[in-house]
Amino acid sequence: MALLTDFGSTYTKVCAVDAERGQLVGRAHAPTTVDTDVAVGWHQALGKLQQVHGVDLSHVSVQLACSSAGGGLRMVVVGFVPRLTAKAGQIAALGAGAKVVGTYSYRLTDAQVAEIRDVSPDILLLCGGTDGGDTVTAITNARKLAVAGPGCVTVFAGNRDATGEVQEAYAAAGRELRSTENVMAEIGEVNARGIAELIREVFADHVIKAKGIDRVRELTGSIVMPTPAAVYAGLELLSNGSRGRDGLGDLVAVDVGGATTDVYSFSLGKPTRPDVFLRGLREPYGKRTVEGDMGVRLNAPSVVAAAEACGLEVALVARDNFRTLAMELPSRRTWLPTTDEEREVDVALASVAVGVALRRHAGRLSEAYTGDGVRWMQEGKDLSEVTTCIGTGGPLVHNGAAEAILEEGLRVARGDPGALVPRRCSIVLDRSYCMYAVGLLRRINPLAALGLARGTLMPLEESGRGGRFFLL
């Protein structure tokens, strides 16, 4: 039996899983106690697992854990051109499970270096220049950051021709640098593989210790990755399948939280119309974005502002009681609705968060005027033909109206004619909070992990748009 733990920012979650067959034996959660001793919350969750589900922990043969406690994995990305290497670095960092707290381009000023130092990231990602291209910017930035930048580990994923001088700058300053493949070796092509693995190594070696979570390593086994990276790995497996077992194919997933709303997509996202041309980066098959202003508790006022700015037709937004409650929620992060009116507010907030986050994640279609006339241009991914949309997160799980939230969220997203969001899809609900466990289990038994994900899917009802609702 495998014991899989997620040390979340608010709750510590544990899943007991049959590691051979991929069957969920039991799950439980308790508040995360990172400010005192994270082992306390973990033991409370284990107690519930034993008492409520009767799980015999003496049968546990393997333990794995992920974590987003203590603020998660905070990263700053420094690139060259904003819409190319800087954006490529940001895509790679987010895909590795990071929370990007700053993105910078071109040659850094002294003020920007000081700003990065003050932000105090857990990891700094330095990139810039295609292989064989510009080296001056990356080397100049490296020399400044090595001397006056933050004291964290720096990962260099830029022009390979600059690697030697970048390494020399960090060695001379006595700062730690790790190098990997160029995140954009060729113009427009994102290469996130090397970065993802290296970031996870740094996370396990350095960040966990810095946040005090290493105190439970002896109890839980290795903390192998940030929680978003575990969720990413689980969704990727669910999309692709493993060893002859089919996955679901292209999919989009929305994780609604109190502080942020994350969106994942697994699709090449190529233009679906012959008259559309792709402009800018060719984004990778797997992509994650984080909307830091779309949390339905801590950032509820921002959700209201986004609804108004986008002209979204959510009836409750105009009500005084909606606005009053939304403005109070940042100081009531553990609030759960208890009346019908409060549940309506919760549904509206989550619906807007889903819709806006999907709009921002998806690619965009726009007209461009050229010498040959008007052309349709696509930036980002075309997700319009993706057939599966997965919803997860506390506001969906605990509200009791997840179907309505996702349907309304998709309607909000589709209200922007330029957003290339799913137009007709089956809706899947992750009410078991097991996707992180799928990603962890994948490391030791991919087939069992796929069974854990797929074995709990069951249809609920036909949706109004021809798709199906599922419970995951």
Protein backbone atom coordinates (compact mmCIF):
# COMPACT_ATOMS: atom_id res chain seq x y z
CA MET A 1 0.00 0.00 0.00
CA ALA A 2 1.21 3.51 -0.82
CA LEU A 3 0.70 6.49 1.49
CA LEU A 4 0.60 9.68 -0.57
CA THR A 5 0.69 13.08 1.16
CA ASP A 6 0.14 16.65 0.01
CA PHE A 7 1.31 19.35 2.41
CA GLY A 8 -0.95 22.09 1.10
CA SER A 9 -0.93 25.74 2.08
CA THR A 10 -4.16 25.27 4.05
CA TYR A 11 -4.74 21.53 4.43
CA THR A 12 -2.54 18.45 4.63
CA LYS A 13 -4.14 15.66 2.60
CA VAL A 14 -3.34 11.95 2.74
CA CYS A 15 -4.40 9.13 0.43
CA ALA A 16 -3.91 5.42 1.04
CA VAL A 17 -3.79 3.59 -2.29
CA ASP A 18 -3.33 -0.01 -3.37
CA ALA A 19 -0.08 0.59 -5.26
CA GLU A 20 -0.48 -2.50 -7.45
CA ARG A 21 -4.11 -2.16 -8.54
CA GLY A 22 -4.47 1.60 -8.27
CA GLN A 23 -7.49 1.49 -5.97
CA LEU A 24 -8.19 4.21 -3.42
CA VAL A 25 -8.29 2.68 0.07
CA GLY A 26 -9.05 5.88 1.98
CA ARG A 27 -8.34 9.60 2.18
CA ALA A 28 -8.42 12.28 4.89
CA HIS A 29 -7.21 15.80 5.58
CA ALA A 30 -6.37 18.14 8.45
CA PRO A 31 -5.19 21.76 8.69
CA THR A 32 -1.54 22.26 7.73
CA THR A 33 0.56 23.31 10.73
CA VAL A 34 3.61 24.73 8.95
CA ASP A 35 3.92 27.64 11.40
CA THR A 36 4.54 25.25 14.30
CA ASP A 37 5.33 21.67 13.27
CA VAL A 38 3.95 20.24 10.02
CA ALA A 39 4.08 16.77 11.56
CA VAL A 40 1.17 17.71 13.85
CA GLY A 41 -1.28 18.27 11.00
CA TRP A 42 0.04 15.20 9.20
CA HIS A 43 -0.56 12.98 12.24
CA GLN A 44 -4.07 14.42 12.61
CA ALA A 45 -4.84 13.48 9.00
CA LEU A 46 -3.42 9.99 9.55
CA GLY A 47 -5.60 9.61 12.64
CA LYS A 48 -8.70 10.35 10.57
CA LEU A 49 -7.53 7.92 7.90
CA GLN A 50 -7.33 5.16 10.50
CA GLN A 51 -10.47 6.02 12.46
CA VAL A 52 -12.85 6.87 9.62
CA HIS A 53 -11.66 4.46 6.94
CA GLY A 54 -10.10 1.77 9.10
CA VAL A 55 -6.82 1.93 7.18
CA ASP A 56 -4.08 -0.23 8.69
CA LEU A 57 -0.95 1.86 8.25
CA SER A 58 1.29 -1.12 9.05
CA HIS A 59 0.61 -2.25 5.47
CA VAL A 60 2.21 0.88 4.01
CA SER A 61 5.29 -0.09 1.99
CA VAL A 62 6.00 3.17 0.16
CA GLN A 63 5.49 6.84 0.95
CA LEU A 64 5.72 9.87 -1.33
CA ALA A 65 4.79 13.49 -0.71
CA CYS A 66 4.42 16.84 -2.45
CA SER A 67 4.10 20.30 -0.95
CA SER A 68 2.86 23.81 -1.58
CA ALA A 69 3.09 24.85 2.07
CA GLY A 70 5.04 27.91 3.12
CA GLY A 71 4.07 29.83 -0.01
CA GLY A 72 4.88 27.10 -2.51
CA LEU A 73 7.82 27.28 -4.91
CA ARG A 74 8.40 30.99 -5.59
CA MET A 75 10.38 31.81 -8.72
CA VAL A 76 11.61 34.84 -10.65
CA VAL A 77 12.20 34.50 -14.40
CA VAL A 78 14.75 36.66 -16.22
CA GLY A 79 14.77 36.43 -20.02
CA PHE A 80 15.62 38.47 -23.09
CA VAL A 81 12.63 39.35 -25.28
CA PRO A 82 9.34 39.54 -23.30
CA ARG A 83 7.22 37.60 -25.79
CA LEU A 84 9.90 35.00 -26.52
CA THR A 85 12.53 33.78 -24.04
CA ALA A 86 10.97 35.49 -21.01
CA LYS A 87 7.57 33.99 -21.82
CA ALA A 88 9.15 30.61 -22.61
CA GLY A 89 10.87 30.65 -19.22
CA GLN A 90 7.62 31.53 -17.49
CA ILE A 91 5.79 28.66 -19.23
CA ALA A 92 8.54 26.23 -18.20
CA ALA A 93 8.59 27.46 -14.59
CA LEU A 94 4.82 27.20 -14.21
CA GLY A 95 4.84 23.73 -15.74
CA ALA A 96 7.38 22.66 -13.12
CA GLY A 97 4.96 23.70 -10.38
CA ALA A 98 6.35 27.13 -9.56
CA LYS A 99 4.60 30.30 -8.50
CA VAL A 100 6.18 32.99 -10.68
CA VAL A 101 6.52 36.14 -8.56
CA GLY A 102 8.35 38.26 -11.12
CA THR A 103 9.30 38.27 -14.81
CA TYR A 104 12.02 40.52 -16.25
CA SER A 105 13.36 41.10 -19.77
CA TYR A 106 16.37 42.63 -21.55
CA ARG A 107 19.40 43.84 -19.58
CA LEU A 108 18.60 44.29 -15.91
CA THR A 109 19.02 47.68 -14.27
CA ASP A 110 20.55 47.96 -10.81
CA ALA A 111 17.10 48.84 -9.48
CA GLN A 112 15.62 45.67 -10.99
CA VAL A 113 18.37 43.52 -9.48
CA ALA A 114 17.62 45.06 -6.08
CA GLU A 115 13.92 44.42 -6.62
CA ILE A 116 14.60 40.75 -7.40
CA ARG A 117 16.74 40.48 -4.27
CA ASP A 118 13.99 42.00 -2.15
CA VAL A 119 11.40 39.57 -3.56
CA SER A 120 13.63 36.76 -2.23
CA PRO A 121 12.57 33.95 -4.57
CA ASP A 122 13.26 30.28 -3.85
CA ILE A 123 14.77 29.80 -7.32
CA LEU A 124 15.85 32.26 -10.00
CA LEU A 125 15.50 31.11 -13.62
CA LEU A 126 17.92 32.90 -15.95
CA CYS A 127 17.42 32.43 -19.68
CA GLY A 128 17.83 34.39 -22.88
CA GLY A 129 19.09 34.01 -26.42
CA THR A 130 18.57 31.16 -28.85
CA ASP A 131 21.52 28.83 -29.39
CA GLY A 132 23.94 30.66 -31.66
CA GLY A 133 22.23 33.98 -30.99
CA ASP A 134 22.69 36.78 -28.47
CA THR A 135 25.00 36.00 -25.54
CA VAL A 136 25.69 39.49 -24.21
CA THR A 137 22.35 39.95 -22.42
CA ALA A 138 22.48 36.65 -20.53
CA ILE A 139 26.13 37.13 -19.52
CA THR A 140 25.57 40.75 -18.44
CA ASN A 141 22.55 39.77 -16.35
CA ALA A 142 24.42 36.82 -14.84
CA ARG A 143 27.30 39.01 -13.71
CA LYS A 144 24.93 41.46 -12.03
CA LEU A 145 22.79 38.78 -10.38
CA ALA A 146 25.78 36.76 -9.18
CA VAL A 147 27.13 39.77 -7.28
CA ALA A 148 23.99 41.58 -6.13
CA GLY A 149 21.07 39.21 -6.74
CA PRO A 150 19.19 36.96 -4.30
CA GLY A 151 21.00 34.22 -2.40
CA CYS A 152 18.89 31.40 -3.83
CA VAL A 153 19.95 28.80 -6.40
CA THR A 154 19.98 30.09 -9.99
CA VAL A 155 19.04 27.82 -12.88
CA PHE A 156 20.52 28.85 -16.24
CA ALA A 157 18.56 27.75 -19.32
CA GLY A 158 19.74 30.16 -21.98
CA ASN A 159 22.01 30.28 -25.02
CA ARG A 160 24.47 27.39 -24.68
CA ASP A 161 27.24 29.64 -26.02
CA ALA A 162 26.89 31.80 -22.90
CA THR A 163 26.99 28.91 -20.41
CA GLY A 164 30.74 29.05 -19.73
CA GLU A 165 30.86 32.76 -18.87
CA VAL A 166 27.65 32.55 -16.83
CA GLN A 167 29.16 29.70 -14.79
CA GLU A 168 32.38 31.68 -14.30
CA ALA A 169 30.43 34.69 -12.99
CA TYR A 170 28.61 32.61 -10.39
CA ALA A 171 31.72 30.67 -9.38
CA ALA A 172 33.63 33.91 -8.83
CA ALA A 173 30.83 35.22 -6.60
CA GLY A 174 30.53 31.96 -4.67
CA ARG A 175 26.88 31.54 -5.69
CA GLU A 176 25.23 28.26 -6.67
CA LEU A 177 24.30 27.85 -10.33
CA ARG A 178 22.84 24.86 -12.13
CA SER A 179 22.67 24.72 -15.91
CA THR A 180 20.35 22.85 -18.26
CA GLU A 181 19.14 22.89 -21.86
CA ASN A 182 18.12 26.17 -23.45
CA VAL A 183 14.43 26.83 -22.82
CA MET A 184 14.22 28.24 -26.36
CA ALA A 185 17.09 26.87 -28.45
CA GLU A 186 15.22 27.81 -31.63
CA ILE A 187 12.97 30.83 -32.10
CA GLY A 188 9.39 30.07 -31.13
CA GLU A 189 10.07 26.56 -29.73
CA VAL A 190 9.65 26.05 -25.96
CA ASN A 191 11.79 23.31 -24.40
CA ALA A 192 10.68 22.80 -20.81
CA ARG A 193 11.94 19.26 -20.14
CA GLY A 194 15.36 20.03 -18.70
CA ILE A 195 14.09 22.92 -16.62
CA ALA A 196 11.26 20.92 -15.07
CA GLU A 197 13.52 18.14 -13.83
CA LEU A 198 16.21 20.49 -12.56
CA ILE A 199 13.71 22.69 -10.74
CA ARG A 200 12.27 19.64 -8.98
CA GLU A 201 15.77 18.60 -7.90
CA VAL A 202 16.46 22.04 -6.45
CA PHE A 203 13.05 22.01 -4.77
CA ALA A 204 13.78 18.67 -3.09
CA ASP A 205 17.38 19.58 -2.15
CA HIS A 206 17.01 23.18 -0.98
CA VAL A 207 13.52 24.66 -0.87
CA ILE A 208 11.94 22.01 1.35
CA LYS A 209 14.65 22.56 3.97
CA ALA A 210 14.32 26.34 3.79
CA LYS A 211 10.58 26.15 4.48
CA GLY A 212 10.98 23.82 7.46
CA ILE A 213 9.09 20.97 5.83
CA ASP A 214 12.15 18.72 5.87
CA ARG A 215 11.31 17.94 9.50
CA VAL A 216 8.86 15.28 8.35
CA ARG A 217 11.03 13.69 5.66
CA GLU A 218 11.89 10.81 7.97
CA LEU A 219 8.18 10.21 8.50
CA THR A 220 6.75 10.71 5.01
CA GLY A 221 9.61 9.67 2.78
CA SER A 222 10.87 11.89 0.00
CA ILE A 223 9.04 15.13 -0.81
CA VAL A 224 9.56 14.76 -4.52
CA MET A 225 7.91 17.79 -6.11
CA PRO A 226 5.72 20.87 -5.62
CA THR A 227 2.00 20.09 -5.44
CA PRO A 228 1.16 21.77 -8.78
CA ALA A 229 3.83 19.61 -10.44
CA ALA A 230 2.20 16.49 -8.99
CA VAL A 231 -1.20 17.62 -10.29
CA TYR A 232 0.41 18.37 -13.67
CA ALA A 233 1.95 14.89 -13.78
CA GLY A 234 -1.38 13.27 -12.92
CA LEU A 235 -3.28 15.20 -15.57
CA GLU A 236 -0.59 14.50 -18.17
CA LEU A 237 -0.90 10.77 -17.46
CA LEU A 238 -4.69 10.98 -17.65
CA SER A 239 -4.38 12.68 -21.03
CA ASN A 240 -1.75 10.42 -22.59
CA GLY A 241 -2.39 7.05 -20.99
CA SER A 242 0.44 4.60 -20.32
CA ARG A 243 1.85 1.33 -21.67
CA GLY A 244 -0.94 0.54 -24.07
CA ARG A 245 -3.78 1.91 -21.92
CA ASP A 246 -5.50 4.86 -23.54
CA GLY A 247 -5.86 8.20 -21.82
CA LEU A 248 -8.63 10.73 -22.30
CA GLY A 249 -6.80 12.60 -25.04
CA ASP A 250 -6.70 16.40 -25.15
CA LEU A 251 -8.03 17.99 -21.97
CA VAL A 252 -8.26 21.21 -19.97
CA ALA A 253 -8.36 21.35 -16.17
CA VAL A 254 -9.30 24.25 -13.88
CA ASP A 255 -8.23 24.25 -10.22
CA VAL A 256 -10.20 26.91 -8.32
CA GLY A 257 -8.64 27.97 -5.03
CA GLY A 258 -8.96 30.59 -2.35
CA ALA A 259 -5.83 32.48 -3.44
CA THR A 260 -5.40 31.56 -7.12
CA THR A 261 -7.05 29.71 -9.97
CA ASP A 262 -4.77 27.43 -11.99
CA VAL A 263 -5.49 26.16 -15.50
CA TYR A 264 -3.79 23.19 -17.16
CA SER A 265 -4.07 22.14 -20.79
CA PHE A 266 -2.73 19.11 -22.61
CA SER A 267 -3.15 19.75 -26.31
CA LEU A 268 -0.93 20.88 -29.17
CA GLY A 269 -3.44 23.66 -29.75
CA LYS A 270 -2.68 24.07 -33.44
CA PRO A 271 -4.99 26.23 -35.58
CA THR A 272 -8.18 24.35 -36.40
CA ARG A 273 -9.00 26.50 -39.42
CA PRO A 274 -7.00 26.58 -42.67
CA ASP A 275 -7.22 30.38 -42.89
CA VAL A 276 -5.57 30.95 -39.49
CA PHE A 277 -1.83 31.57 -39.06
CA LEU A 278 0.10 30.98 -35.83
CA ARG A 279 2.03 33.97 -34.45
CA GLY A 280 4.57 34.01 -31.63
CA LEU A 281 5.56 31.06 -29.44
CA ARG A 282 4.48 27.53 -30.26
CA GLU A 283 3.40 26.56 -26.78
CA PRO A 284 4.17 23.04 -25.49
CA TYR A 285 1.62 20.23 -25.36
CA GLY A 286 1.41 20.56 -21.59
CA LYS A 287 0.89 24.04 -20.16
CA ARG A 288 -0.05 25.50 -16.77
CA THR A 289 -1.04 29.07 -15.96
CA VAL A 290 -1.71 30.65 -12.57
CA GLU A 291 -4.15 33.53 -12.16
CA GLY A 292 -2.99 35.15 -8.94
CA ASP A 293 -5.94 37.55 -8.82
CA MET A 294 -8.64 34.92 -9.31
CA GLY A 295 -8.74 33.36 -5.84
CA VAL A 296 -12.30 33.22 -4.55
CA ARG A 297 -11.38 34.03 -0.93
CA LEU A 298 -8.16 36.01 -0.63
CA ASN A 299 -8.73 37.77 -3.96
CA ALA A 300 -12.53 37.89 -4.08
CA PRO A 301 -12.55 41.69 -4.69
CA SER A 302 -10.33 41.13 -7.74
CA VAL A 303 -12.79 38.55 -9.05
CA VAL A 304 -15.58 41.12 -8.78
CA ALA A 305 -13.43 43.72 -10.55
CA ALA A 306 -12.63 41.25 -13.34
CA ALA A 307 -16.31 40.52 -13.82
CA GLU A 308 -17.07 44.22 -14.16
CA ALA A 309 -14.06 44.96 -16.39
CA CYS A 310 -14.98 42.17 -18.77
CA GLY A 311 -18.63 43.18 -18.80
CA LEU A 312 -19.61 39.71 -17.68
CA GLU A 313 -23.32 39.11 -17.37
CA VAL A 314 -23.39 37.50 -13.94
CA ALA A 315 -26.60 38.72 -12.35
CA LEU A 316 -25.36 38.59 -8.78
CA VAL A 317 -22.41 40.88 -9.45
CA ALA A 318 -24.67 43.91 -9.42
CA ARG A 319 -26.22 43.11 -6.05
CA ASP A 320 -25.09 45.07 -3.00
CA ASN A 321 -24.96 41.97 -0.80
CA PHE A 322 -22.71 40.24 -3.34
CA ARG A 323 -20.21 43.08 -3.29
CA THR A 324 -20.35 43.43 0.51
CA LEU A 325 -19.63 39.75 1.13
CA ALA A 326 -16.94 39.60 -1.55
CA MET A 327 -15.07 42.50 0.05
CA GLU A 328 -15.11 40.70 3.42
CA LEU A 329 -13.75 37.37 2.17
CA PRO A 330 -10.01 38.23 2.15
CA SER A 331 -10.15 38.24 5.95
CA ARG A 332 -12.39 35.13 6.07
CA ARG A 333 -10.28 32.65 4.11
CA THR A 334 -11.85 29.54 5.69
CA TRP A 335 -15.42 30.81 5.15
CA LEU A 336 -17.94 28.32 3.81
CA PRO A 337 -21.46 29.35 2.71
CA THR A 338 -24.29 28.34 5.03
CA THR A 339 -27.36 30.01 3.45
CA ASP A 340 -28.83 29.83 -0.04
CA GLU A 341 -27.89 33.47 -0.60
CA GLU A 342 -24.27 32.85 0.42
CA ARG A 343 -24.11 29.79 -1.80
CA GLU A 344 -25.28 31.92 -4.72
CA VAL A 345 -22.43 34.33 -4.06
CA ASP A 346 -19.94 31.46 -3.86
CA VAL A 347 -21.20 30.02 -7.16
CA ALA A 348 -20.94 33.40 -8.88
CA LEU A 349 -17.39 34.04 -7.65
CA ALA A 350 -16.20 30.59 -8.68
CA SER A 351 -17.94 30.85 -12.06
CA VAL A 352 -16.23 34.15 -12.84
CA ALA A 353 -12.86 32.77 -11.69
CA VAL A 354 -13.25 29.74 -13.97
CA GLY A 355 -14.34 31.83 -16.94
CA VAL A 356 -11.67 34.51 -16.65
CA ALA A 357 -8.90 31.98 -15.99
CA LEU A 358 -9.90 29.96 -19.05
CA ARG A 359 -9.97 33.09 -21.21
CA ARG A 360 -6.46 34.04 -20.13
CA HIS A 361 -5.04 30.54 -20.53
CA ALA A 362 -6.40 29.86 -24.00
CA GLY A 363 -4.99 31.31 -27.18
CA ARG A 364 -6.54 34.27 -28.93
CA LEU A 365 -7.76 34.85 -32.46
CA SER A 366 -7.49 38.31 -33.99
CA GLU A 367 -7.46 40.07 -37.34
CA ALA A 368 -4.19 41.38 -38.76
CA TYR A 369 -3.91 43.67 -41.75
CA THR A 370 -1.15 42.67 -44.17
CA GLY A 371 -0.11 43.50 -47.71
CA ASP A 372 -2.22 40.55 -48.85
CA GLY A 373 -5.29 41.79 -47.03
CA VAL A 374 -6.84 40.77 -43.71
CA ARG A 375 -5.43 37.63 -42.09
CA TRP A 376 -6.60 35.72 -39.03
CA MET A 377 -3.78 35.34 -36.52
CA GLN A 378 -3.63 32.94 -33.56
CA GLU A 379 -1.48 33.54 -30.49
CA GLY A 380 -1.27 30.71 -27.98
CA LYS A 381 -3.25 27.48 -28.08
CA ASP A 382 -6.50 26.78 -29.90
CA LEU A 383 -8.44 24.73 -27.33
CA SER A 384 -11.80 25.09 -29.06
CA GLU A 385 -11.96 21.40 -30.01
CA VAL A 386 -10.78 19.99 -26.66
CA THR A 387 -13.46 17.54 -25.53
CA THR A 388 -12.74 17.12 -21.79
CA CYS A 389 -12.75 19.80 -19.08
CA ILE A 390 -11.81 18.82 -15.51
CA GLY A 391 -12.74 20.93 -12.51
CA THR A 392 -11.15 20.69 -9.08
CA GLY A 393 -10.49 22.79 -5.98
CA GLY A 394 -12.24 23.45 -2.67
CA PRO A 395 -14.86 25.91 -3.97
CA LEU A 396 -16.01 23.26 -6.44
CA VAL A 397 -15.78 20.31 -4.08
CA HIS A 398 -17.52 21.85 -1.07
CA ASN A 399 -20.13 24.05 -2.72
CA GLY A 400 -22.36 21.26 -3.99
CA ALA A 401 -22.93 23.11 -7.26
CA ALA A 402 -19.81 22.19 -9.20
CA GLU A 403 -21.73 21.38 -12.37
CA ALA A 404 -23.41 24.78 -12.35
CA ILE A 405 -20.11 26.55 -11.65
CA LEU A 406 -18.29 24.85 -14.51
CA GLU A 407 -21.17 25.29 -16.95
CA GLU A 408 -21.44 28.98 -16.07
CA GLY A 409 -17.66 29.36 -16.12
CA LEU A 410 -17.49 27.89 -19.62
CA ARG A 411 -20.32 30.19 -20.69
CA VAL A 412 -18.39 33.17 -19.33
CA ALA A 413 -15.24 32.04 -21.15
CA ARG A 414 -17.13 31.53 -24.40
CA GLY A 415 -18.52 35.03 -24.14
CA ASP A 416 -15.21 36.37 -25.43
CA PRO A 417 -15.31 35.68 -29.20
CA GLY A 418 -11.53 35.94 -29.49
CA ALA A 419 -10.78 33.38 -26.77
CA LEU A 420 -10.05 29.91 -28.18
CA VAL A 421 -11.66 28.04 -25.27
CA PRO A 422 -13.44 24.65 -25.43
CA ARG A 423 -16.75 25.01 -27.27
CA ARG A 424 -18.25 21.60 -26.59
CA CYS A 425 -16.80 19.30 -23.96
CA SER A 426 -17.49 16.71 -21.30
CA ILE A 427 -17.13 18.06 -17.77
CA VAL A 428 -15.21 16.06 -15.17
CA LEU A 429 -15.21 16.83 -11.45
CA ASP A 430 -12.32 15.92 -9.14
CA ARG A 431 -14.21 15.64 -5.87
CA SER A 432 -11.72 13.23 -4.31
CA TYR A 433 -8.72 15.57 -4.38
CA CYS A 434 -6.80 12.61 -5.79
CA MET A 435 -5.02 14.17 -8.76
CA TYR A 436 -1.91 14.99 -6.72
CA ALA A 437 -1.90 11.34 -5.61
CA VAL A 438 -2.13 10.20 -9.23
CA GLY A 439 0.94 12.29 -10.06
CA LEU A 440 2.90 10.90 -7.10
CA LEU A 441 1.91 7.28 -7.74
CA ARG A 442 2.93 7.70 -11.38
CA ARG A 443 6.56 7.81 -10.27
CA ILE A 444 6.46 4.20 -9.06
CA ASN A 445 3.61 2.60 -11.04
CA PRO A 446 2.14 4.56 -13.98
CA LEU A 447 -0.47 1.91 -14.80
CA ALA A 448 -1.74 1.86 -11.22
CA ALA A 449 -1.79 5.66 -11.21
CA LEU A 450 -3.84 5.68 -14.41
CA GLY A 451 -6.18 3.15 -12.84
CA LEU A 452 -6.55 5.38 -9.77
CA ALA A 453 -7.56 8.29 -12.01
CA ARG A 454 -9.79 6.45 -14.47
CA GLY A 455 -11.26 3.90 -12.08
CA THR A 456 -13.19 6.56 -10.17
CA LEU A 457 -14.82 8.18 -13.22
CA MET A 458 -18.58 7.78 -13.36
CA PRO A 459 -21.24 9.62 -15.39
CA LEU A 460 -23.69 11.83 -13.55
CA GLU A 461 -25.96 13.23 -16.24
CA GLU A 462 -26.06 14.63 -19.74
CA SER A 463 -25.00 18.26 -19.95
CA GLY A 464 -27.00 20.84 -21.84
CA ARG A 465 -24.31 21.05 -24.49
CA GLY A 466 -24.16 17.39 -25.32
CA GLY A 467 -21.23 16.54 -23.09
CA ARG A 468 -21.36 14.42 -19.96
CA PHE A 469 -20.72 15.21 -16.34
CA PHE A 470 -18.32 12.90 -14.53
CA LEU A 471 -17.27 12.49 -10.94
CA LEU A 472 -13.54 11.95 -10.46
